[in-house]
N, C-alpha and C. Protein backbone atom coordinates (compact mmCIF):
# COMPACT_ATOMS: atom_id res chain seq x y z
N MET A 1 81.64 80.29 99.06
CA MET A 1 83.19 79.56 99.76
C MET A 1 83.81 79.23 99.18
N PRO A 2 85.39 80.18 99.64
CA PRO A 2 86.54 80.11 99.17
C PRO A 2 86.85 78.50 98.54
N LEU A 3 87.83 78.29 97.43
CA LEU A 3 87.68 76.94 96.93
C LEU A 3 89.43 76.68 98.46
N SER A 4 89.04 75.13 98.42
CA SER A 4 89.93 74.87 99.61
C SER A 4 91.57 74.49 99.54
N SER A 5 92.19 74.89 100.94
CA SER A 5 93.23 74.46 100.15
C SER A 5 94.09 72.92 100.39
N GLY A 6 94.50 73.08 99.12
CA GLY A 6 95.51 71.82 98.87
C GLY A 6 94.92 71.03 97.49
N ILE A 7 94.01 71.52 96.74
CA ILE A 7 93.13 71.08 96.16
C ILE A 7 94.20 71.46 94.75
N PRO A 8 94.01 70.83 93.86
CA PRO A 8 94.49 71.71 92.97
C PRO A 8 93.64 72.36 92.28
N ALA A 9 94.33 73.77 91.30
CA ALA A 9 93.74 75.37 91.16
C ALA A 9 92.91 75.42 90.11
N PRO A 10 91.51 75.75 89.41
CA PRO A 10 91.52 75.18 88.49
C PRO A 10 91.97 76.15 87.32
N GLU A 11 92.50 75.20 86.36
CA GLU A 11 92.67 75.86 85.19
C GLU A 11 92.19 77.13 84.50
N PHE A 12 92.81 77.96 83.87
CA PHE A 12 92.19 78.98 83.31
C PHE A 12 92.65 79.23 82.05
N ALA A 13 91.66 80.12 80.68
CA ALA A 13 92.71 80.95 80.30
C ALA A 13 92.23 82.37 79.64
N LEU A 14 92.86 83.32 79.65
CA LEU A 14 92.07 84.90 79.91
C LEU A 14 92.85 85.21 78.98
N PRO A 15 92.16 86.60 78.33
CA PRO A 15 93.20 87.89 77.57
C PRO A 15 93.59 88.22 79.12
N ASP A 16 94.93 89.06 78.78
CA ASP A 16 95.55 89.90 79.06
C ASP A 16 94.94 90.93 78.88
N GLU A 17 95.80 92.13 79.71
CA GLU A 17 95.44 93.89 79.23
C GLU A 17 95.51 94.09 77.73
N THR A 18 96.91 93.52 77.12
CA THR A 18 97.11 93.36 75.48
C THR A 18 96.30 92.39 74.92
N GLY A 19 95.94 91.76 75.09
CA GLY A 19 94.66 90.36 74.73
C GLY A 19 95.20 88.78 74.38
N VAL A 20 96.37 89.66 74.57
CA VAL A 20 97.39 87.99 75.12
C VAL A 20 96.63 86.93 75.94
N ILE A 21 96.68 85.97 75.67
CA ILE A 21 95.63 85.21 76.82
C ILE A 21 96.73 84.19 77.02
N ARG A 22 96.46 84.87 78.71
CA ARG A 22 96.85 83.74 79.96
C ARG A 22 96.90 82.33 80.48
N SER A 23 97.63 81.76 80.95
CA SER A 23 96.57 80.45 81.22
C SER A 23 97.63 80.46 82.75
N LEU A 24 96.76 79.10 83.46
CA LEU A 24 97.73 79.40 85.19
C LEU A 24 98.66 78.39 84.54
N SER A 25 98.86 76.91 83.82
CA SER A 25 99.48 76.49 83.59
C SER A 25 100.60 77.13 83.11
N GLU A 26 100.55 78.24 82.69
CA GLU A 26 102.02 78.97 82.19
C GLU A 26 102.69 79.41 83.47
N PHE A 27 102.06 78.99 84.56
CA PHE A 27 103.47 80.37 85.58
C PHE A 27 103.48 79.01 86.70
N ARG A 28 103.01 77.11 86.22
CA ARG A 28 103.67 76.11 86.92
C ARG A 28 105.08 76.42 87.37
N GLY A 29 104.91 75.76 88.54
CA GLY A 29 106.29 75.82 88.79
C GLY A 29 107.33 77.57 90.23
N HIS A 30 106.16 78.08 89.97
CA HIS A 30 106.22 78.97 90.79
C HIS A 30 104.94 79.22 91.54
N PRO A 31 105.41 79.75 92.41
CA PRO A 31 103.89 80.56 93.41
C PRO A 31 103.16 81.69 92.43
N VAL A 32 102.12 81.58 92.43
CA VAL A 32 100.91 82.84 91.99
C VAL A 32 100.04 83.29 93.22
N ILE A 33 100.06 84.74 93.11
CA ILE A 33 98.82 85.24 93.71
C ILE A 33 97.88 85.49 92.85
N LEU A 34 97.10 85.21 92.57
CA LEU A 34 95.65 85.39 92.01
C LEU A 34 94.69 85.99 92.97
N TYR A 35 94.57 87.18 92.57
CA TYR A 35 93.10 88.53 93.47
C TYR A 35 92.62 88.85 91.90
N PHE A 36 90.55 88.42 92.65
CA PHE A 36 89.94 88.26 92.23
C PHE A 36 89.23 90.18 92.44
N TYR A 37 89.02 91.40 91.96
CA TYR A 37 88.60 92.96 91.85
C TYR A 37 87.33 93.12 90.93
N PRO A 38 86.68 93.73 91.82
CA PRO A 38 85.85 94.05 90.76
C PRO A 38 85.64 95.15 90.04
N GLU A 39 86.05 96.20 90.12
CA GLU A 39 86.16 96.93 88.51
C GLU A 39 87.82 97.63 88.95
N ASP A 40 88.14 97.44 87.32
CA ASP A 40 89.61 98.59 87.84
C ASP A 40 88.98 100.66 87.54
N ASP A 41 90.26 101.12 87.89
CA ASP A 41 89.68 101.93 88.91
C ASP A 41 89.00 102.93 89.65
N THR A 42 88.43 102.21 90.18
CA THR A 42 87.42 102.16 91.78
C THR A 42 88.57 102.20 92.78
N PRO A 43 88.08 103.47 94.09
CA PRO A 43 89.18 103.39 95.33
C PRO A 43 89.26 102.55 95.80
N GLY A 44 88.73 101.22 95.92
CA GLY A 44 89.31 99.78 96.90
C GLY A 44 89.87 99.55 95.49
N CYS A 45 89.49 98.52 94.60
CA CYS A 45 90.81 98.36 93.59
C CYS A 45 91.56 98.99 93.29
N THR A 46 92.11 99.94 93.67
CA THR A 46 93.24 100.98 93.33
C THR A 46 94.31 100.74 94.44
N LYS A 47 93.52 101.23 95.75
CA LYS A 47 94.33 101.09 96.55
C LYS A 47 94.78 99.44 96.33
N GLU A 48 94.06 98.06 96.64
CA GLU A 48 94.52 97.44 96.69
C GLU A 48 95.55 96.98 95.96
N ALA A 49 95.25 97.21 94.24
CA ALA A 49 96.54 97.51 93.40
C ALA A 49 97.74 97.48 93.78
N CYS A 50 96.60 98.51 94.06
CA CYS A 50 98.60 99.75 94.38
C CYS A 50 99.35 98.81 95.36
N ASN A 51 98.46 98.57 96.00
CA ASN A 51 99.47 97.79 97.31
C ASN A 51 100.41 96.73 96.65
N PHE A 52 99.58 95.63 95.89
CA PHE A 52 100.83 94.64 95.37
C PHE A 52 101.94 95.42 94.65
N ARG A 53 101.64 96.66 93.40
CA ARG A 53 102.37 97.09 93.10
C ARG A 53 103.51 98.42 93.94
N ASP A 54 103.61 98.54 95.04
CA ASP A 54 104.03 98.65 96.04
C ASP A 54 105.04 97.63 97.34
N ASP A 55 104.53 96.66 96.71
CA ASP A 55 105.24 96.02 97.60
C ASP A 55 106.03 94.27 96.10
N TYR A 56 105.61 95.03 94.88
CA TYR A 56 106.24 93.97 94.01
C TYR A 56 107.55 93.16 93.55
N GLY A 57 108.17 94.15 94.48
CA GLY A 57 109.55 94.07 94.22
C GLY A 57 109.71 92.30 95.63
N GLN A 58 108.99 92.50 96.64
CA GLN A 58 109.36 91.42 97.39
C GLN A 58 108.77 90.62 96.97
N TYR A 59 107.68 90.52 96.34
CA TYR A 59 107.15 89.40 95.73
C TYR A 59 108.13 89.10 94.70
N THR A 60 108.78 89.75 93.45
CA THR A 60 109.23 89.14 92.43
C THR A 60 110.70 88.43 93.61
N ASP A 61 110.72 88.92 94.28
CA ASP A 61 112.58 88.05 94.96
C ASP A 61 112.07 87.13 95.52
N ALA A 62 110.98 86.88 95.79
CA ALA A 62 110.20 85.61 96.42
C ALA A 62 109.93 84.56 95.18
N GLY A 63 110.02 84.80 94.01
CA GLY A 63 109.28 84.07 92.99
C GLY A 63 108.23 84.03 93.10
N VAL A 64 107.74 84.81 93.15
CA VAL A 64 105.65 85.00 93.48
C VAL A 64 104.88 85.59 92.41
N THR A 65 104.44 85.65 90.94
CA THR A 65 103.82 86.52 90.21
C THR A 65 102.38 86.30 90.74
N ILE A 66 102.14 87.90 90.04
CA ILE A 66 101.02 88.27 90.62
C ILE A 66 99.94 88.81 89.58
N LEU A 67 98.72 87.65 89.74
CA LEU A 67 98.02 88.13 88.27
C LEU A 67 96.61 88.53 88.99
N GLY A 68 96.14 89.80 88.87
CA GLY A 68 94.55 90.49 88.86
C GLY A 68 93.60 89.21 87.63
N VAL A 69 92.78 90.13 88.10
CA VAL A 69 91.29 89.32 87.70
C VAL A 69 89.95 90.11 87.91
N SER A 70 89.63 90.23 86.50
CA SER A 70 87.92 91.43 86.80
C SER A 70 87.35 91.12 85.29
N PRO A 71 85.81 91.69 85.45
CA PRO A 71 84.89 91.25 84.54
C PRO A 71 85.36 92.03 83.50
N ASP A 72 86.70 93.64 83.79
CA ASP A 72 86.86 94.55 82.89
C ASP A 72 87.36 94.06 81.48
N SER A 73 86.95 94.85 80.76
CA SER A 73 87.76 94.23 79.39
C SER A 73 89.27 95.19 79.15
N PRO A 74 89.84 94.03 78.06
CA PRO A 74 91.11 94.13 78.29
C PRO A 74 91.79 95.89 77.77
N LYS A 75 90.95 96.55 77.36
CA LYS A 75 91.13 97.96 77.18
C LYS A 75 91.04 98.96 78.73
N SER A 76 90.16 98.41 78.94
CA SER A 76 90.04 98.81 80.30
C SER A 76 90.90 98.58 81.31
N HIS A 77 92.18 97.58 81.32
CA HIS A 77 92.31 96.73 82.44
C HIS A 77 94.26 97.30 81.74
N ALA A 78 94.16 98.07 80.06
CA ALA A 78 95.31 98.63 80.09
C ALA A 78 95.94 100.12 80.14
N LYS A 79 93.96 100.85 80.31
CA LYS A 79 94.05 102.27 81.04
C LYS A 79 94.53 102.40 82.64
N PHE A 80 94.14 101.23 83.48
CA PHE A 80 94.18 100.86 84.29
C PHE A 80 95.37 100.68 84.73
N LYS A 81 95.71 100.17 84.23
CA LYS A 81 97.63 99.22 84.21
C LYS A 81 99.16 100.73 84.03
N ALA A 82 98.51 100.85 83.16
CA ALA A 82 99.02 102.37 82.77
C ALA A 82 99.08 103.60 83.69
N LYS A 83 97.90 103.85 84.21
CA LYS A 83 97.37 105.01 84.96
C LYS A 83 98.12 104.90 86.24
N PHE A 84 98.46 103.95 87.19
CA PHE A 84 98.96 103.33 88.22
C PHE A 84 100.09 102.86 88.75
N GLY A 85 100.65 102.75 86.81
CA GLY A 85 101.99 101.81 87.00
C GLY A 85 102.39 100.51 87.43
N LEU A 86 101.12 99.60 87.58
CA LEU A 86 101.05 98.21 87.81
C LEU A 86 101.60 97.19 86.88
N PRO A 87 102.60 96.63 87.20
CA PRO A 87 103.72 95.87 86.89
C PRO A 87 103.01 94.80 86.41
N PHE A 88 101.98 94.16 87.05
CA PHE A 88 101.86 92.92 86.73
C PHE A 88 100.21 92.70 85.37
N PRO A 89 100.33 91.25 85.65
CA PRO A 89 98.92 91.47 84.49
C PRO A 89 97.63 91.39 84.64
N LEU A 90 97.04 91.83 84.08
CA LEU A 90 95.66 92.07 84.27
C LEU A 90 94.84 91.07 83.74
N LEU A 91 94.14 90.02 84.30
CA LEU A 91 92.88 89.36 83.13
C LEU A 91 92.48 89.48 82.87
N ALA A 92 91.31 89.57 82.17
CA ALA A 92 89.72 90.10 81.64
C ALA A 92 88.96 88.65 81.82
N ASP A 93 88.22 88.76 82.81
CA ASP A 93 87.02 87.54 82.66
C ASP A 93 85.69 88.01 82.32
N ALA A 94 85.66 88.78 81.20
CA ALA A 94 84.13 89.34 80.67
C ALA A 94 83.30 88.50 81.29
N GLY A 95 82.85 86.82 81.17
CA GLY A 95 81.73 86.28 81.53
C GLY A 95 82.16 86.05 83.17
N HIS A 96 82.44 86.44 83.85
CA HIS A 96 83.15 85.72 85.04
C HIS A 96 82.85 84.41 85.48
N LYS A 97 83.55 83.70 83.99
CA LYS A 97 83.50 82.57 84.26
C LYS A 97 84.26 81.25 85.23
N ILE A 98 85.27 82.47 85.20
CA ILE A 98 86.55 82.20 86.30
C ILE A 98 86.27 82.97 87.78
N CYS A 99 85.74 83.77 87.63
CA CYS A 99 85.31 84.24 89.11
C CYS A 99 84.26 83.42 89.53
N ASP A 100 83.70 82.52 89.22
CA ASP A 100 82.93 81.49 89.30
C ASP A 100 83.76 80.33 89.80
N LEU A 101 84.09 79.52 88.90
CA LEU A 101 85.38 78.99 89.28
C LEU A 101 86.46 78.76 90.77
N TYR A 102 86.32 80.35 90.98
CA TYR A 102 87.09 80.62 92.35
C TYR A 102 86.79 80.70 93.53
N ALA A 103 84.80 80.48 93.27
CA ALA A 103 84.04 81.36 94.29
C ALA A 103 84.91 82.78 94.43
N ALA A 104 84.71 83.83 93.53
CA ALA A 104 84.73 84.77 93.87
C ALA A 104 83.84 85.72 93.13
N TRP A 105 82.30 85.08 92.85
CA TRP A 105 81.69 85.98 92.15
C TRP A 105 80.08 85.16 93.30
N GLY A 106 79.32 86.58 93.81
CA GLY A 106 78.68 85.91 94.31
C GLY A 106 77.53 87.36 95.03
N LEU A 107 76.50 86.90 95.51
CA LEU A 107 75.80 88.14 96.37
C LEU A 107 76.66 89.63 96.92
N LYS A 108 76.97 90.57 96.84
CA LYS A 108 76.96 91.07 98.13
C LYS A 108 76.00 92.25 98.49
N THR A 109 76.40 93.18 99.12
CA THR A 109 75.44 94.61 99.19
C THR A 109 76.37 95.22 99.47
N PHE A 110 75.83 96.46 99.01
CA PHE A 110 76.71 97.77 98.61
C PHE A 110 75.66 98.98 99.32
N MET A 111 75.83 100.17 100.42
CA MET A 111 74.90 101.09 99.97
C MET A 111 73.13 100.15 100.46
N GLY A 112 73.14 99.02 100.83
CA GLY A 112 72.01 98.77 101.14
C GLY A 112 70.85 98.20 100.23
N ARG A 113 71.65 98.10 99.11
CA ARG A 113 71.70 96.98 97.49
C ARG A 113 72.33 96.05 97.77
N GLU A 114 71.03 94.82 97.29
CA GLU A 114 71.67 93.56 97.03
C GLU A 114 72.07 93.68 95.68
N PHE A 115 72.91 92.37 95.13
CA PHE A 115 73.82 92.83 93.46
C PHE A 115 74.30 91.45 93.56
N THR A 116 74.60 91.02 92.27
CA THR A 116 75.82 89.93 92.74
C THR A 116 76.70 90.59 91.29
N GLY A 117 78.01 90.50 91.99
CA GLY A 117 79.10 91.03 91.28
C GLY A 117 80.84 90.18 92.01
N VAL A 118 81.74 90.51 91.97
CA VAL A 118 83.18 89.55 91.56
C VAL A 118 83.59 90.65 93.38
N LEU A 119 83.40 89.13 94.23
CA LEU A 119 83.79 89.13 95.95
C LEU A 119 85.90 88.93 95.46
N ARG A 120 86.14 90.19 96.37
CA ARG A 120 87.14 90.48 96.55
C ARG A 120 87.32 89.43 96.91
N THR A 121 88.58 88.78 96.28
CA THR A 121 89.50 86.69 97.13
C THR A 121 90.45 87.26 96.43
N THR A 122 91.24 86.84 97.58
CA THR A 122 92.82 86.68 97.09
C THR A 122 93.41 85.04 96.91
N TYR A 123 94.18 84.21 96.40
CA TYR A 123 94.12 83.09 96.59
C TYR A 123 95.92 82.64 96.07
N LEU A 124 96.56 82.54 97.06
CA LEU A 124 97.84 82.08 97.19
C LEU A 124 98.21 80.91 96.01
N ILE A 125 99.08 80.17 95.04
CA ILE A 125 98.67 79.09 94.45
C ILE A 125 100.28 78.52 94.16
N ASP A 126 100.71 77.83 95.10
CA ASP A 126 101.64 77.10 94.72
C ASP A 126 102.29 76.41 93.71
N GLU A 127 103.61 76.26 93.52
CA GLU A 127 104.51 75.86 92.20
C GLU A 127 103.75 74.34 91.90
N GLN A 128 103.07 74.13 92.85
CA GLN A 128 101.99 72.68 91.81
C GLN A 128 100.92 72.65 91.81
N GLY A 129 100.57 74.37 91.65
CA GLY A 129 99.31 74.57 91.34
C GLY A 129 98.33 74.16 91.91
N LYS A 130 98.35 74.46 93.82
CA LYS A 130 97.69 73.79 94.66
C LYS A 130 97.43 75.08 95.46
């Protein structure tokens, strides 16, 4: 079940594609789109990331920061970001702890097979971190 509206978003500290640790509190005072996706350089995830890329100017004009999160490594994120010209940070949640905190990890079905993984989820976090 997704997080409820109006409650404080859980704090996190995750490495980005360059290995720099990024935290939610770093962006306090600005709205943040925090989106969780299953895997770098796969069709659905690429489409989602490129949609954010294509509208990036509209988001930044509105003062919104975009952060992508998946279990992929910083190295994988760096390749994905470079390949598609993604202008926003991609955060590595290798142990899916932050995915768990944001209710973005759970049971899924793909091609008749059940497994646990990232549930494609997007949050808009306001300037106060809610």
